[in-house]
Amino acid sequence: MMMKGRKVLVVGVANKMSIAWGIAQALLREGATVGLTYQNERLAGNVQKLADECDPKLQTWELDATDPESVAAVFGSIEKEWGELHGLVHSIAYAPREELTPGIIKTTLENWNSAIHVSAYTLVELLRGAKPLFEKAGGGSVITMSYDTTKVYPNYNLMGIAKSVLEQTTRYAAWDAGRMNVRVNAISAGPMKTLAARGISGFSKMMEEGASRSPLGRNVTMEEVGNSGLFLLSDMSTGITGQVIYVDAGQVIVGASEK
């Protein structure tokens, strides 16, 4: 039970297919105290059902990570309930649906700002809110979720750019938070059938091609990504910060597949 006594907030669970839920399950398996957030009342039922089925004591909070007052309220509640925080999972991203098609030159400034705000700046917002609780705990670990930013995926479009901003934010946040013994890393998972992925045109083909060119000949599983998140949130990874960890069955290393 490597996470026994550790308190971790997981932001970004929408349903049982969410990567954030895969990470939460791994944390719970290893004895962590886990809290989940839901974006709004529309998603509250899904998240609460998952919490109740897994552990009736698992706490949930409504959180709009783009709203400083909402962020402050959640961390205020955590301080009252837990007193400290050891881990934070940032697994939220957004781009308007019309931006998930080829053609970056058509992108509006409004859509650009919205995607960067939700997908990258919210990591800054959450870190700022969590800072006092990490200090009380004597340090901690933060992870966020990316997707291969080394290549162009035309149908990913603005979301790919937002993930690039997120990865650089991860590096700067790691530098900023390091002196208070807080590590910040990103996981770049391979293509997975999540709620967010449904909005990407041609996603099924992306999964097929990814599995075909992967050295392992397949895509990754939710359990594999969850275990990687567990590793980065645990003391097994105390020397790792500011990194993007690829959990993609090796897809990122392959320029072209012969299969």
C-alpha atoms as a PDB file:
ATOM      1  CA  MET A   1       0.000   0.000   0.000  1.00  0.00           C
ATOM      2  CA  MET A   2       2.515   2.576  -1.198  1.00  0.00           C
ATOM      3  CA  MET A   3       0.046   5.495  -0.968  1.00  0.00           C
ATOM      4  CA  LYS A   4      -1.358   4.817   2.502  1.00  0.00           C
ATOM      5  CA  GLY A   5      -1.771   8.101   4.362  1.00  0.00           C
ATOM      6  CA  ARG A   6      -1.471  10.174   1.179  1.00  0.00           C
ATOM      7  CA  LYS A   7      -4.222  12.545   0.106  1.00  0.00           C
ATOM      8  CA  VAL A   8      -4.704  13.165  -3.612  1.00  0.00           C
ATOM      9  CA  LEU A   9      -7.142  15.370  -5.526  1.00  0.00           C
ATOM     10  CA  VAL A  10      -8.077  14.065  -8.981  1.00  0.00           C
ATOM     11  CA  VAL A  11      -9.463  16.690 -11.358  1.00  0.00           C
ATOM     12  CA  GLY A  12     -10.990  15.596 -14.637  1.00  0.00           C
ATOM     13  CA  VAL A  13     -13.130  12.510 -14.085  1.00  0.00           C
ATOM     14  CA  ALA A  14     -16.143  12.548 -16.412  1.00  0.00           C
ATOM     15  CA  ASN A  15     -17.028   8.842 -16.553  1.00  0.00           C
ATOM     16  CA  LYS A  16     -15.487   5.389 -16.153  1.00  0.00           C
ATOM     17  CA  MET A  17     -13.561   5.817 -19.428  1.00  0.00           C
ATOM     18  CA  SER A  18     -11.693   8.896 -18.179  1.00  0.00           C
ATOM     19  CA  ILE A  19      -7.931   8.603 -17.818  1.00  0.00           C
ATOM     20  CA  ALA A  20      -8.313  10.464 -14.529  1.00  0.00           C
ATOM     21  CA  TRP A  21     -10.524   7.640 -13.274  1.00  0.00           C
ATOM     22  CA  GLY A  22      -7.907   5.072 -14.254  1.00  0.00           C
ATOM     23  CA  ILE A  23      -5.368   6.973 -12.157  1.00  0.00           C
ATOM     24  CA  ALA A  24      -7.830   7.336  -9.267  1.00  0.00           C
ATOM     25  CA  GLN A  25      -8.423   3.571  -9.233  1.00  0.00           C
ATOM     26  CA  ALA A  26      -4.685   2.875  -9.054  1.00  0.00           C
ATOM     27  CA  LEU A  27      -4.355   5.345  -6.169  1.00  0.00           C
ATOM     28  CA  LEU A  28      -7.242   3.802  -4.264  1.00  0.00           C
ATOM     29  CA  ARG A  29      -5.818   0.323  -4.785  1.00  0.00           C
ATOM     30  CA  GLU A  30      -2.632   1.460  -3.065  1.00  0.00           C
ATOM     31  CA  GLY A  31      -4.381   3.000  -0.072  1.00  0.00           C
ATOM     32  CA  ALA A  32      -4.558   6.694  -0.965  1.00  0.00           C
ATOM     33  CA  THR A  33      -7.310   8.995   0.244  1.00  0.00           C
ATOM     34  CA  VAL A  34      -8.757  10.309  -3.007  1.00  0.00           C
ATOM     35  CA  GLY A  35     -11.049  13.207  -3.775  1.00  0.00           C
ATOM     36  CA  LEU A  36     -12.745  13.720  -7.132  1.00  0.00           C
ATOM     37  CA  THR A  37     -14.076  16.863  -8.751  1.00  0.00           C
ATOM     38  CA  TYR A  38     -16.831  17.273 -11.305  1.00  0.00           C
ATOM     39  CA  GLN A  39     -17.176  20.230 -13.644  1.00  0.00           C
ATOM     40  CA  ASN A  40     -20.886  20.919 -13.266  1.00  0.00           C
ATOM     41  CA  GLU A  41     -24.213  19.407 -12.302  1.00  0.00           C
ATOM     42  CA  ARG A  42     -24.483  17.652 -15.685  1.00  0.00           C
ATOM     43  CA  LEU A  43     -21.499  15.466 -14.775  1.00  0.00           C
ATOM     44  CA  ALA A  44     -22.176  15.263 -11.042  1.00  0.00           C
ATOM     45  CA  GLY A  45     -24.265  12.102 -11.308  1.00  0.00           C
ATOM     46  CA  ASN A  46     -21.623  10.169 -13.261  1.00  0.00           C
ATOM     47  CA  VAL A  47     -18.824  11.094 -10.878  1.00  0.00           C
ATOM     48  CA  GLN A  48     -20.852  10.487  -7.733  1.00  0.00           C
ATOM     49  CA  LYS A  49     -21.944   7.080  -9.024  1.00  0.00           C
ATOM     50  CA  LEU A  50     -18.328   6.079  -9.640  1.00  0.00           C
ATOM     51  CA  ALA A  51     -17.379   7.308  -6.186  1.00  0.00           C
ATOM     52  CA  ASP A  52     -20.225   5.439  -4.472  1.00  0.00           C
ATOM     53  CA  GLU A  53     -19.515   2.193  -6.329  1.00  0.00           C
ATOM     54  CA  CYS A  54     -15.822   2.348  -5.495  1.00  0.00           C
ATOM     55  CA  ASP A  55     -15.865   3.707  -1.949  1.00  0.00           C
ATOM     56  CA  PRO A  56     -18.815   5.431  -0.226  1.00  0.00           C
ATOM     57  CA  LYS A  57     -16.304   7.535   1.736  1.00  0.00           C
ATOM     58  CA  LEU A  58     -14.714   8.910  -1.432  1.00  0.00           C
ATOM     59  CA  GLN A  59     -15.357  12.665  -1.477  1.00  0.00           C
ATOM     60  CA  THR A  60     -16.428  14.769  -4.440  1.00  0.00           C
ATOM     61  CA  TRP A  61     -16.466  18.507  -5.063  1.00  0.00           C
ATOM     62  CA  GLU A  62     -17.849  20.682  -7.849  1.00  0.00           C
ATOM     63  CA  LEU A  63     -14.994  22.558  -9.529  1.00  0.00           C
ATOM     64  CA  ASP A  64     -14.759  24.967 -12.432  1.00  0.00           C
ATOM     65  CA  ALA A  65     -10.984  25.189 -12.805  1.00  0.00           C
ATOM     66  CA  THR A  66     -11.299  28.358 -14.918  1.00  0.00           C
ATOM     67  CA  ASP A  67     -12.977  30.188 -12.024  1.00  0.00           C
ATOM     68  CA  PRO A  68     -10.592  31.364  -9.259  1.00  0.00           C
ATOM     69  CA  GLU A  69     -13.444  31.501  -6.732  1.00  0.00           C
ATOM     70  CA  SER A  70     -14.402  27.896  -7.442  1.00  0.00           C
ATOM     71  CA  VAL A  71     -10.761  26.807  -7.125  1.00  0.00           C
ATOM     72  CA  ALA A  72     -10.394  28.652  -3.830  1.00  0.00           C
ATOM     73  CA  ALA A  73     -13.597  27.098  -2.489  1.00  0.00           C
ATOM     74  CA  VAL A  74     -12.498  23.548  -3.288  1.00  0.00           C
ATOM     75  CA  PHE A  75      -9.069  23.926  -1.718  1.00  0.00           C
ATOM     76  CA  GLY A  76     -10.683  25.619   1.268  1.00  0.00           C
ATOM     77  CA  SER A  77     -12.888  22.553   1.710  1.00  0.00           C
ATOM     78  CA  ILE A  78      -9.883  20.248   1.328  1.00  0.00           C
ATOM     79  CA  GLU A  79      -8.012  22.178   3.998  1.00  0.00           C
ATOM     80  CA  LYS A  80     -10.928  21.712   6.406  1.00  0.00           C
ATOM     81  CA  GLU A  81     -11.414  18.031   5.564  1.00  0.00           C
ATOM     82  CA  TRP A  82      -7.825  16.854   5.067  1.00  0.00           C
ATOM     83  CA  GLY A  83      -5.575  19.628   6.365  1.00  0.00           C
ATOM     84  CA  GLU A  84      -2.940  18.917   3.706  1.00  0.00           C
ATOM     85  CA  LEU A  85      -2.444  17.590   0.187  1.00  0.00           C
ATOM     86  CA  HIS A  86       0.159  15.199  -1.209  1.00  0.00           C
ATOM     87  CA  GLY A  87      -0.912  14.834  -4.823  1.00  0.00           C
ATOM     88  CA  LEU A  88      -2.838  16.549  -7.596  1.00  0.00           C
ATOM     89  CA  VAL A  89      -3.992  15.116 -10.933  1.00  0.00           C
ATOM     90  CA  HIS A  90      -4.800  17.678 -13.640  1.00  0.00           C
ATOM     91  CA  SER A  91      -6.657  15.877 -16.427  1.00  0.00           C
ATOM     92  CA  ILE A  92      -8.760  18.541 -18.100  1.00  0.00           C
ATOM     93  CA  ALA A  93      -8.609  19.932 -21.629  1.00  0.00           C
ATOM     94  CA  TYR A  94     -10.885  21.650 -24.101  1.00  0.00           C
ATOM     95  CA  ALA A  95     -11.005  23.009 -27.632  1.00  0.00           C
ATOM     96  CA  PRO A  96     -14.167  24.019 -29.497  1.00  0.00           C
ATOM     97  CA  ARG A  97     -15.374  21.180 -31.691  1.00  0.00           C
ATOM     98  CA  GLU A  98     -14.872  23.168 -34.897  1.00  0.00           C
ATOM     99  CA  GLU A  99     -11.169  23.401 -34.044  1.00  0.00           C
ATOM    100  CA  LEU A 100     -10.737  19.618 -34.124  1.00  0.00           C
ATOM    101  CA  THR A 101     -10.451  19.603 -37.912  1.00  0.00           C
ATOM    102  CA  PRO A 102      -7.530  20.581 -40.163  1.00  0.00           C
ATOM    103  CA  GLY A 103      -6.781  24.262 -40.729  1.00  0.00           C
ATOM    104  CA  ILE A 104      -5.104  26.220 -37.932  1.00  0.00           C
ATOM    105  CA  ILE A 105      -5.250  29.470 -39.916  1.00  0.00           C
ATOM    106  CA  LYS A 106      -9.037  29.501 -39.500  1.00  0.00           C
ATOM    107  CA  THR A 107      -8.741  29.526 -35.700  1.00  0.00           C
ATOM    108  CA  THR A 108     -10.243  32.555 -33.980  1.00  0.00           C
ATOM    109  CA  LEU A 109      -8.530  34.372 -31.133  1.00  0.00           C
ATOM    110  CA  GLU A 110     -11.509  33.547 -28.907  1.00  0.00           C
ATOM    111  CA  ASN A 111     -11.157  29.813 -29.541  1.00  0.00           C
ATOM    112  CA  TRP A 112      -7.378  29.978 -29.183  1.00  0.00           C
ATOM    113  CA  ASN A 113      -7.613  31.689 -25.796  1.00  0.00           C
ATOM    114  CA  SER A 114     -10.335  29.324 -24.616  1.00  0.00           C
ATOM    115  CA  ALA A 115      -8.314  26.208 -25.462  1.00  0.00           C
ATOM    116  CA  ILE A 116      -5.123  27.494 -23.832  1.00  0.00           C
ATOM    117  CA  HIS A 117      -7.012  28.694 -20.765  1.00  0.00           C
ATOM    118  CA  VAL A 118      -8.775  25.416 -20.048  1.00  0.00           C
ATOM    119  CA  SER A 119      -6.030  23.051 -21.188  1.00  0.00           C
ATOM    120  CA  ALA A 120      -2.933  24.781 -19.789  1.00  0.00           C
ATOM    121  CA  TYR A 121      -3.606  27.788 -17.590  1.00  0.00           C
ATOM    122  CA  THR A 122      -5.840  25.774 -15.281  1.00  0.00           C
ATOM    123  CA  LEU A 123      -2.730  23.825 -14.239  1.00  0.00           C
ATOM    124  CA  VAL A 124      -1.283  27.119 -12.977  1.00  0.00           C
ATOM    125  CA  GLU A 125      -4.562  28.007 -11.263  1.00  0.00           C
ATOM    126  CA  LEU A 126      -4.753  24.661  -9.467  1.00  0.00           C
ATOM    127  CA  LEU A 127      -1.099  24.718  -8.434  1.00  0.00           C
ATOM    128  CA  ARG A 128      -1.571  28.159  -6.914  1.00  0.00           C
ATOM    129  CA  GLY A 129      -4.573  26.948  -4.953  1.00  0.00           C
ATOM    130  CA  ALA A 130      -2.832  23.777  -3.810  1.00  0.00           C
ATOM    131  CA  LYS A 131       0.439  25.432  -2.777  1.00  0.00           C
ATOM    132  CA  PRO A 132      -0.440  26.066   0.911  1.00  0.00           C
ATOM    133  CA  LEU A 133      -1.674  22.490   1.308  1.00  0.00           C
ATOM    134  CA  PHE A 134       1.463  21.057  -0.294  1.00  0.00           C
ATOM    135  CA  GLU A 135       3.554  23.166   2.059  1.00  0.00           C
ATOM    136  CA  LYS A 136       1.695  21.725   5.042  1.00  0.00           C
ATOM    137  CA  ALA A 137       2.395  18.233   3.728  1.00  0.00           C
ATOM    138  CA  GLY A 138       6.090  18.977   3.240  1.00  0.00           C
ATOM    139  CA  GLY A 139       5.880  18.534  -0.523  1.00  0.00           C
ATOM    140  CA  GLY A 140       3.965  16.569  -3.097  1.00  0.00           C
ATOM    141  CA  SER A 141       3.537  15.548  -6.717  1.00  0.00           C
ATOM    142  CA  VAL A 142       1.447  16.911  -9.576  1.00  0.00           C
ATOM    143  CA  ILE A 143       0.708  15.203 -12.874  1.00  0.00           C
ATOM    144  CA  THR A 144      -1.061  16.428 -15.989  1.00  0.00           C
ATOM    145  CA  MET A 145      -2.096  14.693 -19.198  1.00  0.00           C
ATOM    146  CA  SER A 146      -0.666  15.441 -22.631  1.00  0.00           C
ATOM    147  CA  TYR A 147      -0.635  13.816 -26.064  1.00  0.00           C
ATOM    148  CA  ASP A 148       2.364  13.505 -28.406  1.00  0.00           C
ATOM    149  CA  THR A 149       3.346  17.094 -29.250  1.00  0.00           C
ATOM    150  CA  THR A 150       6.341  16.040 -31.360  1.00  0.00           C
ATOM    151  CA  LYS A 151       4.189  15.578 -34.469  1.00  0.00           C
ATOM    152  CA  VAL A 152       1.275  17.150 -36.298  1.00  0.00           C
ATOM    153  CA  TYR A 153      -2.078  15.369 -36.130  1.00  0.00           C
ATOM    154  CA  PRO A 154      -4.278  17.492 -38.447  1.00  0.00           C
ATOM    155  CA  ASN A 155      -7.567  16.526 -36.801  1.00  0.00           C
ATOM    156  CA  TYR A 156      -6.134  17.345 -33.361  1.00  0.00           C
ATOM    157  CA  ASN A 157      -5.294  20.858 -34.550  1.00  0.00           C
ATOM    158  CA  LEU A 158      -5.724  23.506 -31.812  1.00  0.00           C
ATOM    159  CA  MET A 159      -5.805  20.839 -29.104  1.00  0.00           C
ATOM    160  CA  GLY A 160      -2.306  19.780 -30.143  1.00  0.00           C
ATOM    161  CA  ILE A 161      -1.066  23.345 -29.746  1.00  0.00           C
ATOM    162  CA  ALA A 162      -2.734  23.618 -26.348  1.00  0.00           C
ATOM    163  CA  LYS A 163      -0.967  20.424 -25.245  1.00  0.00           C
ATOM    164  CA  SER A 164       2.349  21.925 -26.354  1.00  0.00           C
ATOM    165  CA  VAL A 165       1.675  24.922 -24.125  1.00  0.00           C
ATOM    166  CA  LEU A 166       0.721  22.554 -21.317  1.00  0.00           C
ATOM    167  CA  GLU A 167       4.014  20.664 -21.595  1.00  0.00           C
ATOM    168  CA  GLN A 168       6.087  23.850 -21.392  1.00  0.00           C
ATOM    169  CA  THR A 169       3.924  25.022 -18.491  1.00  0.00           C
ATOM    170  CA  THR A 170       4.756  21.715 -16.797  1.00  0.00           C
ATOM    171  CA  ARG A 171       8.490  22.447 -17.092  1.00  0.00           C
ATOM    172  CA  TYR A 172       8.243  25.973 -15.742  1.00  0.00           C
ATOM    173  CA  ALA A 173       5.900  24.853 -12.968  1.00  0.00           C
ATOM    174  CA  ALA A 174       8.406  22.149 -12.015  1.00  0.00           C
ATOM    175  CA  TRP A 175      11.092  24.796 -11.634  1.00  0.00           C
ATOM    176  CA  ASP A 176       8.820  27.104  -9.662  1.00  0.00           C
ATOM    177  CA  ALA A 177       7.476  24.406  -7.341  1.00  0.00           C
ATOM    178  CA  GLY A 178      10.680  22.453  -6.877  1.00  0.00           C
ATOM    179  CA  ARG A 179      11.968  24.544  -3.989  1.00  0.00           C
ATOM    180  CA  MET A 180       8.940  23.551  -1.934  1.00  0.00           C
ATOM    181  CA  ASN A 181       9.554  19.889  -2.746  1.00  0.00           C
ATOM    182  CA  VAL A 182       6.689  19.629  -5.219  1.00  0.00           C
ATOM    183  CA  ARG A 183       7.290  17.737  -8.456  1.00  0.00           C
ATOM    184  CA  VAL A 184       5.361  18.409 -11.665  1.00  0.00           C
ATOM    185  CA  ASN A 185       5.294  15.940 -14.560  1.00  0.00           C
ATOM    186  CA  ALA A 186       3.147  15.099 -17.574  1.00  0.00           C
ATOM    187  CA  ILE A 187       2.020  11.772 -18.984  1.00  0.00           C
ATOM    188  CA  SER A 188       1.677  11.567 -22.749  1.00  0.00           C
ATOM    189  CA  ALA A 189      -0.653   8.638 -23.227  1.00  0.00           C
ATOM    190  CA  GLY A 190      -1.295   6.950 -26.528  1.00  0.00           C
ATOM    191  CA  PRO A 191      -4.750   7.149 -28.140  1.00  0.00           C
ATOM    192  CA  MET A 192      -7.485   5.878 -25.836  1.00  0.00           C
ATOM    193  CA  LYS A 193     -11.267   5.704 -26.087  1.00  0.00           C
ATOM    194  CA  THR A 194     -12.173   8.533 -23.730  1.00  0.00           C
ATOM    195  CA  LEU A 195     -15.108  10.941 -23.796  1.00  0.00           C
ATOM    196  CA  ALA A 196     -12.850  13.697 -25.126  1.00  0.00           C
ATOM    197  CA  ALA A 197     -11.539  11.478 -27.925  1.00  0.00           C
ATOM    198  CA  ARG A 198     -15.024  11.098 -29.376  1.00  0.00           C
ATOM    199  CA  GLY A 199     -14.868  14.676 -30.604  1.00  0.00           C
ATOM    200  CA  ILE A 200     -11.783  14.046 -32.768  1.00  0.00           C
ATOM    201  CA  SER A 201     -12.630  13.245 -36.391  1.00  0.00           C
ATOM    202  CA  GLY A 202     -11.038  10.007 -37.557  1.00  0.00           C
ATOM    203  CA  PHE A 203     -10.037   8.962 -34.049  1.00  0.00           C
ATOM    204  CA  SER A 204     -10.703   5.281 -34.691  1.00  0.00           C
ATOM    205  CA  LYS A 205      -8.241   5.412 -37.585  1.00  0.00           C
ATOM    206  CA  MET A 206      -5.715   7.131 -35.302  1.00  0.00           C
ATOM    207  CA  MET A 207      -6.021   4.221 -32.881  1.00  0.00           C
ATOM    208  CA  GLU A 208      -5.616   1.629 -35.633  1.00  0.00           C
ATOM    209  CA  GLU A 209      -2.570   3.344 -37.113  1.00  0.00           C
ATOM    210  CA  GLY A 210      -1.065   3.898 -33.668  1.00  0.00           C
ATOM    211  CA  ALA A 211      -1.358   0.232 -32.780  1.00  0.00           C
ATOM    212  CA  SER A 212       0.056  -0.764 -36.168  1.00  0.00           C
ATOM    213  CA  ARG A 213       3.231   1.294 -35.835  1.00  0.00           C
ATOM    214  CA  SER A 214       3.741   0.694 -32.115  1.00  0.00           C
ATOM    215  CA  PRO A 215       6.766  -1.451 -31.206  1.00  0.00           C
ATOM    216  CA  LEU A 216       4.428  -3.446 -28.947  1.00  0.00           C
ATOM    217  CA  GLY A 217       1.881  -3.811 -31.740  1.00  0.00           C
ATOM    218  CA  ARG A 218      -0.981  -2.396 -29.697  1.00  0.00           C
ATOM    219  CA  ASN A 219      -2.353   0.629 -27.891  1.00  0.00           C
ATOM    220  CA  VAL A 220      -1.987   1.147 -24.151  1.00  0.00           C
ATOM    221  CA  THR A 221      -4.611   0.244 -21.577  1.00  0.00           C
ATOM    222  CA  MET A 222      -6.249   2.388 -18.951  1.00  0.00           C
ATOM    223  CA  GLU A 223      -4.595   0.278 -16.259  1.00  0.00           C
ATOM    224  CA  GLU A 224      -1.144   0.960 -17.717  1.00  0.00           C
ATOM    225  CA  VAL A 225      -1.695   4.712 -17.739  1.00  0.00           C
ATOM    226  CA  GLY A 226      -3.193   4.549 -14.243  1.00  0.00           C
ATOM    227  CA  ASN A 227      -0.164   2.685 -12.927  1.00  0.00           C
ATOM    228  CA  SER A 228       2.164   5.238 -14.516  1.00  0.00           C
ATOM    229  CA  GLY A 229       0.227   8.005 -12.780  1.00  0.00           C
ATOM    230  CA  LEU A 230       0.531   6.101  -9.510  1.00  0.00           C
ATOM    231  CA  PHE A 231       4.292   5.846 -10.008  1.00  0.00           C
ATOM    232  CA  LEU A 232       4.673   9.592 -10.598  1.00  0.00           C
ATOM    233  CA  LEU A 233       2.529  10.433  -7.559  1.00  0.00           C
ATOM    234  CA  SER A 234       4.405   8.041  -5.275  1.00  0.00           C
ATOM    235  CA  ASP A 235       7.795   8.117  -3.582  1.00  0.00           C
ATOM    236  CA  MET A 236       9.046   5.731  -6.254  1.00  0.00           C
ATOM    237  CA  SER A 237       9.615   8.764  -8.524  1.00  0.00           C
ATOM    238  CA  THR A 238      11.019  11.402  -6.151  1.00  0.00           C
ATOM    239  CA  GLY A 239      13.901  12.203  -8.510  1.00  0.00           C
ATOM    240  CA  ILE A 240      11.665  12.927 -11.500  1.00  0.00           C
ATOM    241  CA  THR A 241      10.247  16.371 -12.253  1.00  0.00           C
ATOM    242  CA  GLY A 242       9.591  18.551 -15.274  1.00  0.00           C
ATOM    243  CA  GLN A 243       9.329  15.515 -17.544  1.00  0.00           C
ATOM    244  CA  VAL A 244       6.904  14.251 -20.155  1.00  0.00           C
ATOM    245  CA  ILE A 245       6.586  10.489 -19.671  1.00  0.00           C
ATOM    246  CA  TYR A 246       5.361   8.671 -22.773  1.00  0.00           C
ATOM    247  CA  VAL A 247       2.975   5.826 -21.982  1.00  0.00           C
ATOM    248  CA  ASP A 248       2.039   4.915 -25.537  1.00  0.00           C
ATOM    249  CA  ALA A 249       3.437   1.425 -26.213  1.00  0.00           C
ATOM    250  CA  GLY A 250       6.369   3.161 -27.887  1.00  0.00           C
ATOM    251  CA  GLN A 251       4.420   4.899 -30.655  1.00  0.00           C
ATOM    252  CA  VAL A 252       6.308   8.184 -30.254  1.00  0.00           C
ATOM    253  CA  ILE A 253       9.662   6.667 -31.278  1.00  0.00           C
ATOM    254  CA  VAL A 254       8.447   5.367 -34.639  1.00  0.00           C
ATOM    255  CA  GLY A 255       8.603   7.656 -37.672  1.00  0.00           C
ATOM    256  CA  ALA A 256       6.994   5.166 -40.075  1.00  0.00           C
ATOM    257  CA  SER A 257       5.828   1.622 -39.678  1.00  0.00           C
ATOM    258  CA  GLU A 258       6.650  -1.279 -41.972  1.00  0.00           C
ATOM    259  CA  LYS A 259       3.634  -3.236 -40.744  1.00  0.00           C
END
